Amino acid sequence: MSQIIIDSNNYWRLVGELSFATAGDLLTELTNKISTLDSNGLTIDLSEVKNTDSAGLALLIELLRINTSITFCNIPKRILSLSNVGGVRNLLMNEGV
């Protein structure tokens, strides 16, 4: 199970799983919420993500495609490892291409 907690308009937390089992529903929910933002500069905290896989990485990349001003913090080691293998770590770390 996964949950989005909105601490403020510009600071959200993802809690729970970021995996094949949850990525589709999370993408739909996050896309809907992101589309209602009035401002840029959203930070998504991943410190409470407990289980993740390559679908979690794909979800984060898709969110950046939707809104390039998103910043991720406390990215789980598993996602960082997968992003290194895929050559996309720079995207998650807001370093550009």
N, C-alpha and C. Protein backbone atom coordinates (compact mmCIF):
# COMPACT_ATOMS: atom_id res chain seq x y z
N MET A 1 0.85 -1.18 0.00
CA MET A 1 0.00 0.00 0.00
C MET A 1 0.89 1.24 0.00
N SER A 2 0.41 2.26 -0.66
CA SER A 2 1.14 3.53 -0.74
C SER A 2 0.20 4.68 -0.44
N GLN A 3 0.81 5.77 -0.04
CA GLN A 3 0.03 6.94 0.35
C GLN A 3 0.81 8.20 0.02
N ILE A 4 0.10 9.23 -0.39
CA ILE A 4 0.69 10.54 -0.62
C ILE A 4 0.22 11.44 0.51
N ILE A 5 1.18 12.02 1.22
CA ILE A 5 0.85 12.94 2.30
C ILE A 5 1.31 14.33 1.86
N ILE A 6 0.37 15.26 1.82
CA ILE A 6 0.68 16.62 1.40
C ILE A 6 0.88 17.47 2.65
N ASP A 7 2.14 17.77 2.94
CA ASP A 7 2.47 18.59 4.11
C ASP A 7 2.23 20.06 3.82
N SER A 8 2.49 20.45 2.59
CA SER A 8 2.20 21.81 2.14
C SER A 8 2.05 21.75 0.63
N ASN A 9 1.69 22.85 0.02
CA ASN A 9 1.50 22.87 -1.43
C ASN A 9 2.77 22.45 -2.17
N ASN A 10 3.93 22.71 -1.58
CA ASN A 10 5.19 22.44 -2.27
C ASN A 10 6.01 21.32 -1.64
N TYR A 11 5.47 20.59 -0.65
CA TYR A 11 6.21 19.52 0.00
C TYR A 11 5.29 18.33 0.26
N TRP A 12 5.55 17.25 -0.46
CA TRP A 12 4.76 16.03 -0.32
C TRP A 12 5.65 14.89 0.12
N ARG A 13 5.04 13.88 0.76
CA ARG A 13 5.75 12.67 1.15
C ARG A 13 5.06 11.45 0.56
N LEU A 14 5.86 10.54 0.02
CA LEU A 14 5.34 9.25 -0.41
C LEU A 14 5.65 8.25 0.69
N VAL A 15 4.66 7.48 1.09
CA VAL A 15 4.79 6.53 2.18
C VAL A 15 4.39 5.15 1.68
N GLY A 16 5.20 4.14 2.01
CA GLY A 16 4.85 2.76 1.66
C GLY A 16 5.65 2.25 0.48
N GLU A 17 4.99 1.50 -0.39
CA GLU A 17 5.64 0.87 -1.53
C GLU A 17 5.65 1.76 -2.76
N LEU A 18 6.73 1.63 -3.51
CA LEU A 18 6.87 2.28 -4.81
C LEU A 18 7.32 1.17 -5.75
N SER A 19 6.36 0.36 -6.21
CA SER A 19 6.67 -0.88 -6.91
C SER A 19 5.67 -1.14 -8.04
N PHE A 20 5.88 -2.28 -8.73
CA PHE A 20 4.95 -2.67 -9.79
C PHE A 20 3.52 -2.72 -9.28
N ALA A 21 3.35 -3.14 -8.03
CA ALA A 21 2.00 -3.27 -7.46
C ALA A 21 1.32 -1.93 -7.23
N THR A 22 2.09 -0.86 -7.06
CA THR A 22 1.49 0.43 -6.70
C THR A 22 1.72 1.54 -7.72
N ALA A 23 2.66 1.37 -8.63
CA ALA A 23 3.08 2.46 -9.52
C ALA A 23 1.94 3.01 -10.38
N GLY A 24 1.10 2.16 -10.93
CA GLY A 24 0.02 2.63 -11.79
C GLY A 24 -0.96 3.54 -11.07
N ASP A 25 -1.42 3.10 -9.92
CA ASP A 25 -2.36 3.91 -9.14
C ASP A 25 -1.70 5.20 -8.65
N LEU A 26 -0.44 5.09 -8.21
CA LEU A 26 0.27 6.29 -7.76
C LEU A 26 0.45 7.30 -8.89
N LEU A 27 0.77 6.80 -10.08
CA LEU A 27 0.95 7.71 -11.21
C LEU A 27 -0.34 8.48 -11.49
N THR A 28 -1.45 7.79 -11.49
CA THR A 28 -2.74 8.45 -11.72
C THR A 28 -3.01 9.49 -10.65
N GLU A 29 -2.86 9.11 -9.40
CA GLU A 29 -3.14 10.03 -8.30
C GLU A 29 -2.19 11.22 -8.29
N LEU A 30 -0.91 10.96 -8.47
CA LEU A 30 0.07 12.05 -8.47
C LEU A 30 -0.12 12.98 -9.65
N THR A 31 -0.42 12.43 -10.81
CA THR A 31 -0.65 13.26 -12.00
C THR A 31 -1.83 14.20 -11.77
N ASN A 32 -2.89 13.67 -11.19
CA ASN A 32 -4.06 14.51 -10.90
C ASN A 32 -3.72 15.61 -9.90
N LYS A 33 -2.97 15.27 -8.87
CA LYS A 33 -2.61 16.27 -7.86
C LYS A 33 -1.64 17.31 -8.41
N ILE A 34 -0.67 16.87 -9.21
CA ILE A 34 0.31 17.79 -9.79
C ILE A 34 -0.37 18.77 -10.73
N SER A 35 -1.38 18.31 -11.45
CA SER A 35 -2.06 19.19 -12.40
C SER A 35 -2.83 20.32 -11.70
N THR A 36 -3.09 20.18 -10.40
CA THR A 36 -3.82 21.22 -9.68
C THR A 36 -2.90 22.22 -8.99
N LEU A 37 -1.59 22.01 -9.06
CA LEU A 37 -0.66 22.92 -8.41
C LEU A 37 -0.68 24.29 -9.06
N ASP A 38 -0.65 25.32 -8.24
CA ASP A 38 -0.59 26.69 -8.73
C ASP A 38 0.83 27.16 -8.95
N SER A 39 1.77 26.48 -8.29
CA SER A 39 3.15 26.96 -8.36
C SER A 39 4.09 25.83 -8.76
N ASN A 40 5.29 26.23 -9.15
CA ASN A 40 6.34 25.28 -9.44
C ASN A 40 7.15 25.05 -8.18
N GLY A 41 8.07 24.12 -8.25
CA GLY A 41 8.96 23.91 -7.12
C GLY A 41 8.47 22.89 -6.12
N LEU A 42 7.89 21.80 -6.58
CA LEU A 42 7.40 20.75 -5.71
C LEU A 42 8.55 19.85 -5.26
N THR A 43 8.63 19.57 -3.96
CA THR A 43 9.57 18.60 -3.41
C THR A 43 8.79 17.38 -2.96
N ILE A 44 9.25 16.21 -3.39
CA ILE A 44 8.64 14.96 -2.97
C ILE A 44 9.66 14.19 -2.15
N ASP A 45 9.33 13.97 -0.89
CA ASP A 45 10.19 13.27 0.06
C ASP A 45 9.91 11.77 -0.01
N LEU A 46 10.96 10.98 -0.24
CA LEU A 46 10.83 9.54 -0.37
C LEU A 46 11.37 8.77 0.84
N SER A 47 11.60 9.47 1.94
CA SER A 47 12.22 8.83 3.11
C SER A 47 11.37 7.73 3.74
N GLU A 48 10.07 7.74 3.48
CA GLU A 48 9.18 6.74 4.07
C GLU A 48 8.79 5.64 3.09
N VAL A 49 9.48 5.58 1.95
CA VAL A 49 9.27 4.50 0.99
C VAL A 49 10.00 3.28 1.52
N LYS A 50 9.29 2.19 1.71
CA LYS A 50 9.86 1.00 2.33
C LYS A 50 10.26 -0.08 1.33
N ASN A 51 9.61 -0.15 0.21
CA ASN A 51 9.88 -1.18 -0.78
C ASN A 51 9.79 -0.54 -2.16
N THR A 52 10.79 -0.81 -3.00
CA THR A 52 10.78 -0.22 -4.32
C THR A 52 11.44 -1.15 -5.33
N ASP A 53 11.14 -0.92 -6.59
CA ASP A 53 11.74 -1.68 -7.68
C ASP A 53 11.83 -0.78 -8.91
N SER A 54 12.08 -1.36 -10.07
CA SER A 54 12.26 -0.55 -11.27
C SER A 54 11.02 0.23 -11.66
N ALA A 55 9.84 -0.25 -11.29
CA ALA A 55 8.62 0.51 -11.57
C ALA A 55 8.60 1.80 -10.77
N GLY A 56 9.18 1.79 -9.58
CA GLY A 56 9.29 3.01 -8.78
C GLY A 56 10.17 4.03 -9.48
N LEU A 57 11.29 3.57 -10.03
CA LEU A 57 12.16 4.46 -10.79
C LEU A 57 11.43 5.02 -12.00
N ALA A 58 10.73 4.17 -12.72
CA ALA A 58 9.98 4.62 -13.90
C ALA A 58 8.93 5.67 -13.51
N LEU A 59 8.29 5.47 -12.38
CA LEU A 59 7.29 6.43 -11.90
C LEU A 59 7.93 7.80 -11.65
N LEU A 60 9.07 7.83 -11.00
CA LEU A 60 9.73 9.10 -10.72
C LEU A 60 10.14 9.81 -12.01
N ILE A 61 10.64 9.06 -12.96
CA ILE A 61 11.03 9.66 -14.24
C ILE A 61 9.80 10.22 -14.97
N GLU A 62 8.70 9.49 -14.91
CA GLU A 62 7.47 9.97 -15.54
C GLU A 62 6.97 11.25 -14.86
N LEU A 63 7.08 11.33 -13.56
CA LEU A 63 6.67 12.55 -12.86
C LEU A 63 7.52 13.74 -13.31
N LEU A 64 8.81 13.50 -13.53
CA LEU A 64 9.68 14.58 -14.02
C LEU A 64 9.31 14.99 -15.44
N ARG A 65 8.81 14.05 -16.23
CA ARG A 65 8.36 14.38 -17.57
C ARG A 65 7.13 15.28 -17.51
N ILE A 66 6.27 15.02 -16.54
CA ILE A 66 5.04 15.79 -16.38
C ILE A 66 5.35 17.19 -15.84
N ASN A 67 6.28 17.27 -14.89
CA ASN A 67 6.62 18.54 -14.26
C ASN A 67 8.11 18.56 -13.95
N THR A 68 8.87 19.27 -14.74
CA THR A 68 10.34 19.26 -14.60
C THR A 68 10.83 20.01 -13.36
N SER A 69 9.96 20.69 -12.65
CA SER A 69 10.40 21.42 -11.47
C SER A 69 10.31 20.59 -10.18
N ILE A 70 9.98 19.31 -10.30
CA ILE A 70 9.92 18.44 -9.13
C ILE A 70 11.34 18.12 -8.66
N THR A 71 11.52 18.16 -7.35
CA THR A 71 12.77 17.74 -6.72
C THR A 71 12.45 16.58 -5.79
N PHE A 72 13.25 15.53 -5.88
CA PHE A 72 13.09 14.39 -4.98
C PHE A 72 14.14 14.48 -3.89
N CYS A 73 13.76 14.17 -2.66
CA CYS A 73 14.73 14.11 -1.57
C CYS A 73 14.60 12.77 -0.86
N ASN A 74 15.68 12.37 -0.21
CA ASN A 74 15.74 11.09 0.51
C ASN A 74 15.39 9.91 -0.40
N ILE A 75 15.99 9.90 -1.57
CA ILE A 75 15.74 8.85 -2.55
C ILE A 75 16.30 7.53 -2.01
N PRO A 76 15.48 6.46 -2.02
CA PRO A 76 15.96 5.18 -1.52
C PRO A 76 17.17 4.66 -2.30
N LYS A 77 18.05 3.97 -1.59
CA LYS A 77 19.27 3.43 -2.21
C LYS A 77 18.96 2.53 -3.39
N ARG A 78 17.91 1.76 -3.30
CA ARG A 78 17.54 0.84 -4.39
C ARG A 78 17.24 1.62 -5.67
N ILE A 79 16.51 2.72 -5.56
CA ILE A 79 16.21 3.53 -6.74
C ILE A 79 17.48 4.18 -7.28
N LEU A 80 18.35 4.64 -6.39
CA LEU A 80 19.61 5.23 -6.85
C LEU A 80 20.46 4.19 -7.58
N SER A 81 20.49 2.98 -7.06
CA SER A 81 21.24 1.91 -7.73
C SER A 81 20.68 1.63 -9.11
N LEU A 82 19.37 1.52 -9.20
CA LEU A 82 18.72 1.27 -10.50
C LEU A 82 18.95 2.44 -11.45
N SER A 83 18.94 3.65 -10.93
CA SER A 83 19.14 4.81 -11.80
C SER A 83 20.58 4.88 -12.31
N ASN A 84 21.53 4.39 -11.51
CA ASN A 84 22.92 4.32 -11.98
C ASN A 84 23.04 3.34 -13.14
N VAL A 85 22.44 2.17 -12.99
CA VAL A 85 22.49 1.15 -14.03
C VAL A 85 21.82 1.67 -15.31
N GLY A 86 20.71 2.37 -15.15
CA GLY A 86 19.98 2.90 -16.30
C GLY A 86 20.53 4.20 -16.86
N GLY A 87 21.52 4.77 -16.19
CA GLY A 87 22.12 6.01 -16.67
C GLY A 87 21.24 7.23 -16.52
N VAL A 88 20.32 7.20 -15.55
CA VAL A 88 19.39 8.33 -15.37
C VAL A 88 19.49 8.98 -13.99
N ARG A 89 20.52 8.64 -13.25
CA ARG A 89 20.66 9.21 -11.90
C ARG A 89 20.66 10.74 -11.95
N ASN A 90 21.30 11.31 -12.97
CA ASN A 90 21.37 12.76 -13.09
C ASN A 90 19.99 13.41 -13.15
N LEU A 91 19.03 12.72 -13.73
CA LEU A 91 17.65 13.25 -13.79
C LEU A 91 17.05 13.34 -12.40
N LEU A 92 17.21 12.28 -11.62
CA LEU A 92 16.65 12.26 -10.26
C LEU A 92 17.32 13.26 -9.35
N MET A 93 18.58 13.53 -9.61
CA MET A 93 19.34 14.44 -8.76
C MET A 93 19.28 15.88 -9.28
N ASN A 94 18.38 16.13 -10.25
CA ASN A 94 18.17 17.47 -10.83
C ASN A 94 19.45 18.05 -11.42
N GLU A 95 20.22 17.18 -12.06
CA GLU A 95 21.45 17.63 -12.70
C GLU A 95 21.31 17.77 -14.20
N GLY A 96 20.10 17.54 -14.70
CA GLY A 96 19.88 17.62 -16.14
C GLY A 96 20.42 16.40 -16.86
N VAL A 97 20.40 16.47 -18.17
CA VAL A 97 20.84 15.33 -18.98
C VAL A 97 22.31 15.44 -19.31
